[in-house]
């Protein structure tokens, strides 16, 4: 029997499950490592000519083909708008927020959630320095953003940001960009942004894959049951780690429409399997299993097809759908209030 040359723990510290497909992974990595080496050299040349990382078609293309791990923190920070936030609030804001008191209930929730963050990661062992750092980041975020405070799911996002940046201030600022600029109202107390976007996703599926949409309706399967974790955790704890990071590369550069593309790609690729499900239980299990199959594991092919096979998905369309859904929800609330009154 062939022995795998890969460790039980991946390069990000995640312990691979007992049923991890090493054969498929080795097949993928034998090709992907060569691509990474090639792209790393291209990134070095790109940054020599565009050290400020000004947004243009070439940089966008490079981001879509993947940011080398050693450059991720720098590129995410540069392309996401972190500097604008720092200019607005001051570079010392993180230190100020660490000294600012927060609601005791929020502090207690963070205290409970931090040990639950990536328990299968060797860098988040109980009482590890990363757990202490994550606690500080989440408390500082809650102090500077009292309207959000803390929402479950932020611990996974901040935890992965910390693993990549290895810098708590950078993690704090990137978390702010995501919550305040890229994903507004996702993590508010009402979570209106997530609720609206899941309905927008439902309508996009109906537009692009009507058979799947009808099948979901026939089996009384709400998209919220499937997509809530996708949207809240931004596919961390859902997709393989390297694929998640490639998604985040694009998310920081292109914004929230990337999340819709990921979901639509999963639906498109596994449409046949989804349509074969005969009840809500088998459909839920199918959605649970597809994210760990070989196709999502091959992050390079997955991301490439996500942009080439879904078709046009302009931000204007997404924003139009958001306005429609929001208006319908407001009308429903008004009708309910009037009936209750």
C-alpha atoms as a PDB file:
ATOM      1  CA  UNK A   1       0.000   0.000   0.000  1.00  0.00           C
ATOM      2  CA  UNK A   2       1.302   3.496  -0.893  1.00  0.00           C
ATOM      3  CA  UNK A   3       2.180   5.756   2.022  1.00  0.00           C
ATOM      4  CA  UNK A   4       1.221   9.417   1.707  1.00  0.00           C
ATOM      5  CA  UNK A   5       4.032  11.960   1.771  1.00  0.00           C
ATOM      6  CA  UNK A   6       1.675  14.556   3.244  1.00  0.00           C
ATOM      7  CA  UNK A   7       1.394  15.324   6.947  1.00  0.00           C
ATOM      8  CA  UNK A   8      -1.662  14.654   9.086  1.00  0.00           C
ATOM      9  CA  UNK A   9      -1.677  18.429   9.597  1.00  0.00           C
ATOM     10  CA  UNK A  10      -1.816  20.901   6.707  1.00  0.00           C
ATOM     11  CA  UNK A  11       0.381  23.991   6.375  1.00  0.00           C
ATOM     12  CA  UNK A  12      -2.215  26.168   8.127  1.00  0.00           C
ATOM     13  CA  UNK A  13      -2.322  23.940  11.204  1.00  0.00           C
ATOM     14  CA  UNK A  14      -5.601  22.126  10.476  1.00  0.00           C
ATOM     15  CA  UNK A  15      -5.641  18.440  11.400  1.00  0.00           C
ATOM     16  CA  UNK A  16      -6.899  16.434   8.458  1.00  0.00           C
ATOM     17  CA  UNK A  17      -9.895  14.173   9.140  1.00  0.00           C
ATOM     18  CA  UNK A  18      -9.506  10.394   9.238  1.00  0.00           C
ATOM     19  CA  UNK A  19     -11.345  10.051   5.920  1.00  0.00           C
ATOM     20  CA  UNK A  20      -9.174  12.650   4.160  1.00  0.00           C
ATOM     21  CA  UNK A  21      -8.524  11.617   0.552  1.00  0.00           C
ATOM     22  CA  UNK A  22      -4.716  11.747   0.382  1.00  0.00           C
ATOM     23  CA  UNK A  23      -4.634  10.135  -3.052  1.00  0.00           C
ATOM     24  CA  UNK A  24      -6.822  12.819  -4.590  1.00  0.00           C
ATOM     25  CA  UNK A  25      -4.935  15.531  -2.698  1.00  0.00           C
ATOM     26  CA  UNK A  26      -1.537  14.329  -3.892  1.00  0.00           C
ATOM     27  CA  UNK A  27      -2.839  14.208  -7.448  1.00  0.00           C
ATOM     28  CA  UNK A  28      -3.983  17.825  -7.128  1.00  0.00           C
ATOM     29  CA  UNK A  29      -0.858  19.111  -5.359  1.00  0.00           C
ATOM     30  CA  UNK A  30       1.519  17.539  -7.882  1.00  0.00           C
ATOM     31  CA  UNK A  31       0.118  20.006 -10.408  1.00  0.00           C
ATOM     32  CA  UNK A  32      -0.773  22.908  -8.118  1.00  0.00           C
ATOM     33  CA  UNK A  33       2.676  23.278  -6.531  1.00  0.00           C
ATOM     34  CA  UNK A  34       4.188  23.951  -9.956  1.00  0.00           C
ATOM     35  CA  UNK A  35       1.499  26.543 -10.619  1.00  0.00           C
ATOM     36  CA  UNK A  36       2.189  28.219  -7.274  1.00  0.00           C
ATOM     37  CA  UNK A  37       5.900  28.477  -8.039  1.00  0.00           C
ATOM     38  CA  UNK A  38       5.186  29.989 -11.444  1.00  0.00           C
ATOM     39  CA  UNK A  39       2.625  32.463 -10.104  1.00  0.00           C
ATOM     40  CA  UNK A  40       4.887  33.491  -7.212  1.00  0.00           C
ATOM     41  CA  UNK A  41       7.565  34.603  -9.667  1.00  0.00           C
ATOM     42  CA  UNK A  42       4.954  36.523 -11.679  1.00  0.00           C
ATOM     43  CA  UNK A  43       3.671  38.224  -8.512  1.00  0.00           C
ATOM     44  CA  UNK A  44       7.173  39.380  -7.627  1.00  0.00           C
ATOM     45  CA  UNK A  45       7.543  40.976 -11.066  1.00  0.00           C
ATOM     46  CA  UNK A  46       4.067  42.526 -10.808  1.00  0.00           C
ATOM     47  CA  UNK A  47       4.826  44.141  -7.456  1.00  0.00           C
ATOM     48  CA  UNK A  48       8.057  45.586  -8.789  1.00  0.00           C
ATOM     49  CA  UNK A  49       5.989  47.493 -11.355  1.00  0.00           C
ATOM     50  CA  UNK A  50       2.943  48.151  -9.164  1.00  0.00           C
ATOM     51  CA  UNK A  51       4.217  48.387  -5.604  1.00  0.00           C
ATOM     52  CA  UNK A  52       1.162  50.432  -4.522  1.00  0.00           C
ATOM     53  CA  UNK A  53      -1.133  47.752  -5.961  1.00  0.00           C
ATOM     54  CA  UNK A  54      -3.301  50.185  -7.873  1.00  0.00           C
ATOM     55  CA  UNK A  55      -6.474  48.511  -9.062  1.00  0.00           C
ATOM     56  CA  UNK A  56      -6.385  47.561 -12.743  1.00  0.00           C
ATOM     57  CA  UNK A  57      -7.288  44.668 -15.029  1.00  0.00           C
ATOM     58  CA  UNK A  58      -3.888  43.025 -14.612  1.00  0.00           C
ATOM     59  CA  UNK A  59      -4.000  43.065 -10.813  1.00  0.00           C
ATOM     60  CA  UNK A  60      -7.562  41.713 -10.878  1.00  0.00           C
ATOM     61  CA  UNK A  61      -6.436  38.841 -13.103  1.00  0.00           C
ATOM     62  CA  UNK A  62      -3.529  38.069 -10.784  1.00  0.00           C
ATOM     63  CA  UNK A  63      -5.809  38.048  -7.737  1.00  0.00           C
ATOM     64  CA  UNK A  64      -8.138  35.587  -9.467  1.00  0.00           C
ATOM     65  CA  UNK A  65      -5.240  33.258 -10.229  1.00  0.00           C
ATOM     66  CA  UNK A  66      -4.278  33.224  -6.550  1.00  0.00           C
ATOM     67  CA  UNK A  67      -2.168  35.271  -4.162  1.00  0.00           C
ATOM     68  CA  UNK A  68       0.945  33.513  -2.826  1.00  0.00           C
ATOM     69  CA  UNK A  69       0.652  32.767   0.884  1.00  0.00           C
ATOM     70  CA  UNK A  70       3.628  34.946   1.814  1.00  0.00           C
ATOM     71  CA  UNK A  71       1.981  37.930   0.076  1.00  0.00           C
ATOM     72  CA  UNK A  72      -1.632  37.420   1.180  1.00  0.00           C
ATOM     73  CA  UNK A  73      -1.605  39.690   4.223  1.00  0.00           C
ATOM     74  CA  UNK A  74       0.025  42.505   2.257  1.00  0.00           C
ATOM     75  CA  UNK A  75      -2.246  42.168  -0.782  1.00  0.00           C
ATOM     76  CA  UNK A  76      -5.476  41.779   1.208  1.00  0.00           C
ATOM     77  CA  UNK A  77      -4.617  44.889   3.194  1.00  0.00           C
ATOM     78  CA  UNK A  78      -3.740  46.890   0.076  1.00  0.00           C
ATOM     79  CA  UNK A  79      -6.689  45.982  -2.172  1.00  0.00           C
ATOM     80  CA  UNK A  80      -9.472  45.879   0.428  1.00  0.00           C
ATOM     81  CA  UNK A  81      -9.530  49.509   1.548  1.00  0.00           C
ATOM     82  CA  UNK A  82      -7.833  49.115   4.920  1.00  0.00           C
ATOM     83  CA  UNK A  83      -5.746  52.258   4.382  1.00  0.00           C
ATOM     84  CA  UNK A  84      -8.871  54.366   3.870  1.00  0.00           C
ATOM     85  CA  UNK A  85     -10.213  53.137   7.197  1.00  0.00           C
ATOM     86  CA  UNK A  86      -6.902  53.893   8.909  1.00  0.00           C
ATOM     87  CA  UNK A  87      -6.840  57.370   7.393  1.00  0.00           C
ATOM     88  CA  UNK A  88     -10.390  57.955   8.623  1.00  0.00           C
ATOM     89  CA  UNK A  89     -10.073  56.603  12.155  1.00  0.00           C
ATOM     90  CA  UNK A  90      -6.347  56.903  12.831  1.00  0.00           C
ATOM     91  CA  UNK A  91      -3.640  54.223  12.840  1.00  0.00           C
ATOM     92  CA  UNK A  92      -3.725  53.918  16.666  1.00  0.00           C
ATOM     93  CA  UNK A  93      -7.396  53.000  16.834  1.00  0.00           C
ATOM     94  CA  UNK A  94      -6.756  49.336  17.625  1.00  0.00           C
ATOM     95  CA  UNK A  95      -4.738  50.170  20.729  1.00  0.00           C
ATOM     96  CA  UNK A  96      -7.421  52.641  21.801  1.00  0.00           C
ATOM     97  CA  UNK A  97     -10.157  50.045  21.386  1.00  0.00           C
ATOM     98  CA  UNK A  98      -8.240  47.517  23.474  1.00  0.00           C
ATOM     99  CA  UNK A  99      -8.518  49.955  26.403  1.00  0.00           C
ATOM    100  CA  UNK A 100     -12.209  50.663  25.846  1.00  0.00           C
ATOM    101  CA  UNK A 101     -14.698  48.689  27.983  1.00  0.00           C
ATOM    102  CA  UNK A 102     -17.356  46.588  26.274  1.00  0.00           C
ATOM    103  CA  UNK A 103     -20.708  45.173  27.331  1.00  0.00           C
ATOM    104  CA  UNK A 104     -20.162  42.364  29.834  1.00  0.00           C
ATOM    105  CA  UNK A 105     -22.618  40.046  28.064  1.00  0.00           C
ATOM    106  CA  UNK A 106     -20.693  40.439  24.801  1.00  0.00           C
ATOM    107  CA  UNK A 107     -17.408  39.788  26.572  1.00  0.00           C
ATOM    108  CA  UNK A 108     -18.865  36.605  28.069  1.00  0.00           C
ATOM    109  CA  UNK A 109     -20.087  35.365  24.668  1.00  0.00           C
ATOM    110  CA  UNK A 110     -16.649  36.005  23.147  1.00  0.00           C
ATOM    111  CA  UNK A 111     -15.056  34.182  26.088  1.00  0.00           C
ATOM    112  CA  UNK A 112     -17.225  31.138  25.340  1.00  0.00           C
ATOM    113  CA  UNK A 113     -16.756  31.260  21.550  1.00  0.00           C
ATOM    114  CA  UNK A 114     -12.982  31.677  21.358  1.00  0.00           C
ATOM    115  CA  UNK A 115     -12.184  28.141  22.620  1.00  0.00           C
ATOM    116  CA  UNK A 116     -14.679  26.798  20.052  1.00  0.00           C
ATOM    117  CA  UNK A 117     -12.792  28.408  17.183  1.00  0.00           C
ATOM    118  CA  UNK A 118     -11.022  25.875  14.959  1.00  0.00           C
ATOM    119  CA  UNK A 119     -10.593  23.200  17.646  1.00  0.00           C
ATOM    120  CA  UNK A 120      -9.015  21.015  14.945  1.00  0.00           C
ATOM    121  CA  UNK A 121      -6.185  23.508  14.419  1.00  0.00           C
ATOM    122  CA  UNK A 122      -2.901  23.078  16.285  1.00  0.00           C
ATOM    123  CA  UNK A 123      -2.427  26.861  16.507  1.00  0.00           C
ATOM    124  CA  UNK A 124      -5.670  27.274  18.461  1.00  0.00           C
ATOM    125  CA  UNK A 125      -5.048  24.817  21.248  1.00  0.00           C
ATOM    126  CA  UNK A 126      -6.572  25.744  24.647  1.00  0.00           C
ATOM    127  CA  UNK A 127      -4.850  28.759  26.226  1.00  0.00           C
ATOM    128  CA  UNK A 128      -2.653  29.212  23.169  1.00  0.00           C
ATOM    129  CA  UNK A 129      -1.337  32.661  22.303  1.00  0.00           C
ATOM    130  CA  UNK A 130      -3.599  32.710  19.248  1.00  0.00           C
ATOM    131  CA  UNK A 131      -6.674  32.203  21.432  1.00  0.00           C
ATOM    132  CA  UNK A 132      -5.632  35.131  23.622  1.00  0.00           C
ATOM    133  CA  UNK A 133      -4.941  37.267  20.547  1.00  0.00           C
ATOM    134  CA  UNK A 134      -8.280  36.337  18.975  1.00  0.00           C
ATOM    135  CA  UNK A 135     -10.060  37.322  22.198  1.00  0.00           C
ATOM    136  CA  UNK A 136      -8.394  40.753  22.112  1.00  0.00           C
ATOM    137  CA  UNK A 137      -9.270  41.283  18.439  1.00  0.00           C
ATOM    138  CA  UNK A 138     -12.935  40.406  18.924  1.00  0.00           C
ATOM    139  CA  UNK A 139     -13.217  42.590  22.028  1.00  0.00           C
ATOM    140  CA  UNK A 140     -11.553  45.522  20.243  1.00  0.00           C
ATOM    141  CA  UNK A 141     -13.894  45.055  17.289  1.00  0.00           C
ATOM    142  CA  UNK A 142     -16.922  45.026  19.603  1.00  0.00           C
ATOM    143  CA  UNK A 143     -15.686  48.222  21.258  1.00  0.00           C
ATOM    144  CA  UNK A 144     -15.290  50.107  17.984  1.00  0.00           C
ATOM    145  CA  UNK A 145     -18.495  48.782  16.450  1.00  0.00           C
ATOM    146  CA  UNK A 146     -21.157  48.708  19.186  1.00  0.00           C
ATOM    147  CA  UNK A 147     -23.997  48.347  16.664  1.00  0.00           C
ATOM    148  CA  UNK A 148     -22.633  44.911  15.794  1.00  0.00           C
ATOM    149  CA  UNK A 149     -20.832  44.122  19.008  1.00  0.00           C
ATOM    150  CA  UNK A 150     -20.246  40.456  18.402  1.00  0.00           C
ATOM    151  CA  UNK A 151     -22.000  37.911  16.193  1.00  0.00           C
ATOM    152  CA  UNK A 152     -21.306  34.193  16.123  1.00  0.00           C
ATOM    153  CA  UNK A 153     -19.300  33.466  12.997  1.00  0.00           C
ATOM    154  CA  UNK A 154     -16.974  36.422  13.450  1.00  0.00           C
ATOM    155  CA  UNK A 155     -14.670  34.206  15.511  1.00  0.00           C
ATOM    156  CA  UNK A 156     -14.096  31.900  12.521  1.00  0.00           C
ATOM    157  CA  UNK A 157     -13.445  34.804  10.167  1.00  0.00           C
ATOM    158  CA  UNK A 158     -11.102  36.602  12.571  1.00  0.00           C
ATOM    159  CA  UNK A 159      -9.385  33.317  13.425  1.00  0.00           C
ATOM    160  CA  UNK A 160      -8.574  32.560   9.793  1.00  0.00           C
ATOM    161  CA  UNK A 161      -7.465  36.156   9.208  1.00  0.00           C
ATOM    162  CA  UNK A 162      -5.114  35.759  12.155  1.00  0.00           C
ATOM    163  CA  UNK A 163      -3.669  32.502  10.811  1.00  0.00           C
ATOM    164  CA  UNK A 164      -2.867  34.204   7.508  1.00  0.00           C
ATOM    165  CA  UNK A 165      -1.729  37.663   8.625  1.00  0.00           C
ATOM    166  CA  UNK A 166      -0.042  36.555  11.873  1.00  0.00           C
ATOM    167  CA  UNK A 167      -0.613  40.136  13.021  1.00  0.00           C
ATOM    168  CA  UNK A 168      -3.460  41.142  15.318  1.00  0.00           C
ATOM    169  CA  UNK A 169      -3.720  44.760  14.141  1.00  0.00           C
ATOM    170  CA  UNK A 170      -3.880  43.677  10.499  1.00  0.00           C
ATOM    171  CA  UNK A 171      -6.523  41.130  11.455  1.00  0.00           C
ATOM    172  CA  UNK A 172      -8.555  43.804  13.269  1.00  0.00           C
ATOM    173  CA  UNK A 173      -8.536  46.152  10.274  1.00  0.00           C
ATOM    174  CA  UNK A 174      -9.360  43.432   7.743  1.00  0.00           C
ATOM    175  CA  UNK A 175     -12.249  42.298   9.940  1.00  0.00           C
ATOM    176  CA  UNK A 176     -13.562  45.866   9.969  1.00  0.00           C
ATOM    177  CA  UNK A 177     -13.334  46.118   6.168  1.00  0.00           C
ATOM    178  CA  UNK A 178     -15.287  42.893   5.758  1.00  0.00           C
ATOM    179  CA  UNK A 179     -18.028  43.746   8.244  1.00  0.00           C
ATOM    180  CA  UNK A 180     -18.417  47.454   7.562  1.00  0.00           C
ATOM    181  CA  UNK A 181     -17.659  47.782   3.837  1.00  0.00           C
ATOM    182  CA  UNK A 182     -17.851  44.466   1.989  1.00  0.00           C
ATOM    183  CA  UNK A 183     -20.663  42.764   3.934  1.00  0.00           C
ATOM    184  CA  UNK A 184     -22.826  45.481   5.510  1.00  0.00           C
ATOM    185  CA  UNK A 185     -25.562  44.227   7.870  1.00  0.00           C
ATOM    186  CA  UNK A 186     -24.356  40.618   7.726  1.00  0.00           C
ATOM    187  CA  UNK A 187     -23.393  40.661  11.373  1.00  0.00           C
ATOM    188  CA  UNK A 188     -25.919  43.110  12.800  1.00  0.00           C
ATOM    189  CA  UNK A 189     -28.297  41.963  15.535  1.00  0.00           C
ATOM    190  CA  UNK A 190     -31.049  41.379  12.949  1.00  0.00           C
ATOM    191  CA  UNK A 191     -28.639  39.905  10.358  1.00  0.00           C
ATOM    192  CA  UNK A 192     -30.715  41.627   7.677  1.00  0.00           C
ATOM    193  CA  UNK A 193     -27.840  41.567   5.186  1.00  0.00           C
ATOM    194  CA  UNK A 194     -27.523  37.774   5.325  1.00  0.00           C
ATOM    195  CA  UNK A 195     -31.284  37.208   5.193  1.00  0.00           C
ATOM    196  CA  UNK A 196     -31.596  39.460   2.143  1.00  0.00           C
ATOM    197  CA  UNK A 197     -28.593  37.966   0.357  1.00  0.00           C
ATOM    198  CA  UNK A 198     -29.778  34.385   0.851  1.00  0.00           C
ATOM    199  CA  UNK A 199     -33.042  35.359  -0.837  1.00  0.00           C
ATOM    200  CA  UNK A 200     -31.042  37.106  -3.580  1.00  0.00           C
ATOM    201  CA  UNK A 201     -29.057  33.890  -4.014  1.00  0.00           C
ATOM    202  CA  UNK A 202     -32.314  31.941  -4.248  1.00  0.00           C
ATOM    203  CA  UNK A 203     -33.472  34.206  -7.077  1.00  0.00           C
ATOM    204  CA  UNK A 204     -30.142  33.907  -8.873  1.00  0.00           C
ATOM    205  CA  UNK A 205     -30.424  30.111  -8.736  1.00  0.00           C
ATOM    206  CA  UNK A 206     -33.964  30.376 -10.112  1.00  0.00           C
ATOM    207  CA  UNK A 207     -32.659  32.561 -12.951  1.00  0.00           C
ATOM    208  CA  UNK A 208     -29.639  30.417 -13.861  1.00  0.00           C
ATOM    209  CA  UNK A 209     -30.674  26.904 -12.770  1.00  0.00           C
ATOM    210  CA  UNK A 210     -34.488  26.844 -12.686  1.00  0.00           C
ATOM    211  CA  UNK A 211     -34.644  23.032 -12.373  1.00  0.00           C
ATOM    212  CA  UNK A 212     -32.695  23.121  -9.105  1.00  0.00           C
ATOM    213  CA  UNK A 213     -34.811  25.982  -7.805  1.00  0.00           C
ATOM    214  CA  UNK A 214     -38.031  24.096  -8.592  1.00  0.00           C
ATOM    215  CA  UNK A 215     -36.626  20.922  -7.009  1.00  0.00           C
ATOM    216  CA  UNK A 216     -35.806  22.817  -3.804  1.00  0.00           C
ATOM    217  CA  UNK A 217     -39.350  24.182  -3.717  1.00  0.00           C
ATOM    218  CA  UNK A 218     -40.897  20.770  -4.420  1.00  0.00           C
ATOM    219  CA  UNK A 219     -39.025  19.270  -1.459  1.00  0.00           C
ATOM    220  CA  UNK A 220     -39.763  22.286   0.786  1.00  0.00           C
ATOM    221  CA  UNK A 221     -36.044  22.882   1.298  1.00  0.00           C
ATOM    222  CA  UNK A 222     -35.364  26.522   2.257  1.00  0.00           C
ATOM    223  CA  UNK A 223     -32.115  27.964   0.931  1.00  0.00           C
ATOM    224  CA  UNK A 224     -31.423  29.396   4.389  1.00  0.00           C
ATOM    225  CA  UNK A 225     -30.889  25.844   5.661  1.00  0.00           C
ATOM    226  CA  UNK A 226     -28.058  25.401   3.172  1.00  0.00           C
ATOM    227  CA  UNK A 227     -26.589  28.835   2.590  1.00  0.00           C
ATOM    228  CA  UNK A 228     -26.620  30.505   6.016  1.00  0.00           C
ATOM    229  CA  UNK A 229     -23.287  28.981   7.029  1.00  0.00           C
ATOM    230  CA  UNK A 230     -21.868  29.701   3.565  1.00  0.00           C
ATOM    231  CA  UNK A 231     -22.623  33.409   3.915  1.00  0.00           C
ATOM    232  CA  UNK A 232     -21.949  33.876   7.640  1.00  0.00           C
ATOM    233  CA  UNK A 233     -18.578  32.083   7.689  1.00  0.00           C
ATOM    234  CA  UNK A 234     -17.646  33.066   4.109  1.00  0.00           C
ATOM    235  CA  UNK A 235     -17.102  29.381   3.336  1.00  0.00           C
ATOM    236  CA  UNK A 236     -14.535  28.878   6.104  1.00  0.00           C
ATOM    237  CA  UNK A 237     -15.386  25.618   7.886  1.00  0.00           C
ATOM    238  CA  UNK A 238     -17.211  24.685   4.653  1.00  0.00           C
ATOM    239  CA  UNK A 239     -14.791  24.503   1.709  1.00  0.00           C
ATOM    240  CA  UNK A 240     -11.254  23.075   1.838  1.00  0.00           C
ATOM    241  CA  UNK A 241      -8.919  25.656   3.368  1.00  0.00           C
ATOM    242  CA  UNK A 242      -6.922  26.500   0.225  1.00  0.00           C
ATOM    243  CA  UNK A 243     -10.140  26.973  -1.748  1.00  0.00           C
ATOM    244  CA  UNK A 244     -11.536  29.211   0.996  1.00  0.00           C
ATOM    245  CA  UNK A 245      -8.429  31.381   0.856  1.00  0.00           C
ATOM    246  CA  UNK A 246      -8.638  31.636  -2.930  1.00  0.00           C
ATOM    247  CA  UNK A 247     -12.273  32.738  -2.513  1.00  0.00           C
ATOM    248  CA  UNK A 248     -11.170  35.348   0.041  1.00  0.00           C
ATOM    249  CA  UNK A 249      -8.501  36.623  -2.361  1.00  0.00           C
ATOM    250  CA  UNK A 250     -11.298  37.505  -4.776  1.00  0.00           C
ATOM    251  CA  UNK A 251     -13.675  38.656  -2.031  1.00  0.00           C
ATOM    252  CA  UNK A 252     -11.276  41.314  -0.752  1.00  0.00           C
ATOM    253  CA  UNK A 253     -10.705  42.601  -4.276  1.00  0.00           C
ATOM    254  CA  UNK A 254     -14.125  42.247  -5.934  1.00  0.00           C
ATOM    255  CA  UNK A 255     -16.570  42.386  -3.045  1.00  0.00           C
ATOM    256  CA  UNK A 256     -19.587  40.376  -1.965  1.00  0.00           C
ATOM    257  CA  UNK A 257     -20.666  39.200  -5.423  1.00  0.00           C
ATOM    258  CA  UNK A 258     -17.913  36.588  -5.142  1.00  0.00           C
ATOM    259  CA  UNK A 259     -19.933  34.740  -2.474  1.00  0.00           C
ATOM    260  CA  UNK A 260     -22.824  34.338  -4.908  1.00  0.00           C
ATOM    261  CA  UNK A 261     -20.480  32.993  -7.590  1.00  0.00           C
ATOM    262  CA  UNK A 262     -19.141  30.334  -5.220  1.00  0.00           C
ATOM    263  CA  UNK A 263     -22.625  29.139  -4.315  1.00  0.00           C
ATOM    264  CA  UNK A 264     -23.779  29.151  -7.929  1.00  0.00           C
ATOM    265  CA  UNK A 265     -20.691  27.173  -8.965  1.00  0.00           C
ATOM    266  CA  UNK A 266     -21.484  24.471  -6.411  1.00  0.00           C
ATOM    267  CA  UNK A 267     -25.086  24.287  -7.632  1.00  0.00           C
ATOM    268  CA  UNK A 268     -24.024  24.124 -11.280  1.00  0.00           C
ATOM    269  CA  UNK A 269     -21.370  21.469 -10.837  1.00  0.00           C
ATOM    270  CA  UNK A 270     -23.518  19.191  -8.675  1.00  0.00           C
ATOM    271  CA  UNK A 271     -26.872  19.893 -10.331  1.00  0.00           C
ATOM    272  CA  UNK A 272     -27.348  16.257 -11.385  1.00  0.00           C
ATOM    273  CA  UNK A 273     -26.737  14.919  -7.859  1.00  0.00           C
ATOM    274  CA  UNK A 274     -29.017  17.537  -6.320  1.00  0.00           C
ATOM    275  CA  UNK A 275     -31.858  16.744  -8.713  1.00  0.00           C
ATOM    276  CA  UNK A 276     -31.565  13.034  -7.899  1.00  0.00           C
ATOM    277  CA  UNK A 277     -32.336  13.625  -4.206  1.00  0.00           C
ATOM    278  CA  UNK A 278     -35.842  12.466  -3.344  1.00  0.00           C
ATOM    279  CA  UNK A 279     -36.419  14.098   0.032  1.00  0.00           C
ATOM    280  CA  UNK A 280     -35.226  16.966   2.170  1.00  0.00           C
ATOM    281  CA  UNK A 281     -32.904  14.763   4.266  1.00  0.00           C
ATOM    282  CA  UNK A 282     -31.006  13.386   1.259  1.00  0.00           C
ATOM    283  CA  UNK A 283     -30.830  16.876  -0.259  1.00  0.00           C
ATOM    284  CA  UNK A 284     -29.349  18.307   2.939  1.00  0.00           C
ATOM    285  CA  UNK A 285     -26.824  15.468   3.072  1.00  0.00           C
ATOM    286  CA  UNK A 286     -25.914  16.054  -0.581  1.00  0.00           C
ATOM    287  CA  UNK A 287     -25.193  19.730   0.061  1.00  0.00           C
ATOM    288  CA  UNK A 288     -23.125  18.758   3.093  1.00  0.00           C
ATOM    289  CA  UNK A 289     -21.011  16.263   1.164  1.00  0.00           C
ATOM    290  CA  UNK A 290     -20.370  18.100  -2.107  1.00  0.00           C
ATOM    291  CA  UNK A 291     -18.168  20.764  -0.541  1.00  0.00           C
ATOM    292  CA  UNK A 292     -15.556  18.166   0.410  1.00  0.00           C
ATOM    293  CA  UNK A 293     -15.455  16.317  -2.910  1.00  0.00           C
ATOM    294  CA  UNK A 294     -12.534  16.493  -5.389  1.00  0.00           C
ATOM    295  CA  UNK A 295     -13.931  19.407  -7.394  1.00  0.00           C
ATOM    296  CA  UNK A 296     -13.901  22.017  -4.561  1.00  0.00           C
ATOM    297  CA  UNK A 297     -10.552  20.598  -3.416  1.00  0.00           C
ATOM    298  CA  UNK A 298      -8.963  21.586  -6.731  1.00  0.00           C
ATOM    299  CA  UNK A 299      -9.068  25.283  -5.899  1.00  0.00           C
ATOM    300  CA  UNK A 300      -7.426  26.401  -9.138  1.00  0.00           C
ATOM    301  CA  UNK A 301     -10.021  24.751 -11.385  1.00  0.00           C
ATOM    302  CA  UNK A 302     -12.856  25.685  -9.029  1.00  0.00           C
ATOM    303  CA  UNK A 303     -12.022  29.407  -9.056  1.00  0.00           C
ATOM    304  CA  UNK A 304     -11.359  29.448 -12.793  1.00  0.00           C
ATOM    305  CA  UNK A 305     -14.719  27.847 -13.594  1.00  0.00           C
ATOM    306  CA  UNK A 306     -16.455  30.062 -11.051  1.00  0.00           C
ATOM    307  CA  UNK A 307     -15.621  33.041 -13.251  1.00  0.00           C
ATOM    308  CA  UNK A 308     -15.986  31.396 -16.667  1.00  0.00           C
ATOM    309  CA  UNK A 309     -19.018  29.109 -16.368  1.00  0.00           C
ATOM    310  CA  UNK A 310     -21.562  31.054 -14.313  1.00  0.00           C
ATOM    311  CA  UNK A 311     -22.050  33.826 -16.845  1.00  0.00           C
ATOM    312  CA  UNK A 312     -22.524  37.518 -16.205  1.00  0.00           C
ATOM    313  CA  UNK A 313     -23.125  38.516 -12.599  1.00  0.00           C
ATOM    314  CA  UNK A 314     -22.800  42.312 -12.389  1.00  0.00           C
ATOM    315  CA  UNK A 315     -22.966  44.075  -9.046  1.00  0.00           C
ATOM    316  CA  UNK A 316     -25.806  46.171 -10.460  1.00  0.00           C
ATOM    317  CA  UNK A 317     -27.970  43.035 -10.785  1.00  0.00           C
ATOM    318  CA  UNK A 318     -27.206  41.950  -7.226  1.00  0.00           C
ATOM    319  CA  UNK A 319     -27.965  45.416  -5.855  1.00  0.00           C
ATOM    320  CA  UNK A 320     -31.247  45.552  -7.816  1.00  0.00           C
ATOM    321  CA  UNK A 321     -32.263  42.213  -6.337  1.00  0.00           C
ATOM    322  CA  UNK A 322     -31.257  43.389  -2.875  1.00  0.00           C
ATOM    323  CA  UNK A 323     -33.482  46.437  -3.214  1.00  0.00           C
ATOM    324  CA  UNK A 324     -36.391  44.284  -4.428  1.00  0.00           C
ATOM    325  CA  UNK A 325     -36.037  41.810  -1.566  1.00  0.00           C
ATOM    326  CA  UNK A 326     -35.629  44.562   1.028  1.00  0.00           C
ATOM    327  CA  UNK A 327     -38.715  46.388  -0.280  1.00  0.00           C
ATOM    328  CA  UNK A 328     -40.754  43.169  -0.141  1.00  0.00           C
ATOM    329  CA  UNK A 329     -39.605  42.472   3.412  1.00  0.00           C
ATOM    330  CA  UNK A 330     -40.484  46.023   4.483  1.00  0.00           C
ATOM    331  CA  UNK A 331     -43.923  45.654   2.918  1.00  0.00           C
ATOM    332  CA  UNK A 332     -44.476  42.335   4.697  1.00  0.00           C
ATOM    333  CA  UNK A 333     -43.438  43.872   8.018  1.00  0.00           C
ATOM    334  CA  UNK A 334     -45.772  46.795   7.458  1.00  0.00           C
ATOM    335  CA  UNK A 335     -48.676  44.462   6.616  1.00  0.00           C
ATOM    336  CA  UNK A 336     -47.996  42.355   9.708  1.00  0.00           C
ATOM    337  CA  UNK A 337     -47.788  45.469  11.900  1.00  0.00           C
ATOM    338  CA  UNK A 338     -51.090  46.809  10.555  1.00  0.00           C
ATOM    339  CA  UNK A 339     -52.850  43.478  11.084  1.00  0.00           C
ATOM    340  CA  UNK A 340     -51.483  43.212  14.596  1.00  0.00           C
ATOM    341  CA  UNK A 341     -52.528  46.798  15.293  1.00  0.00           C
END
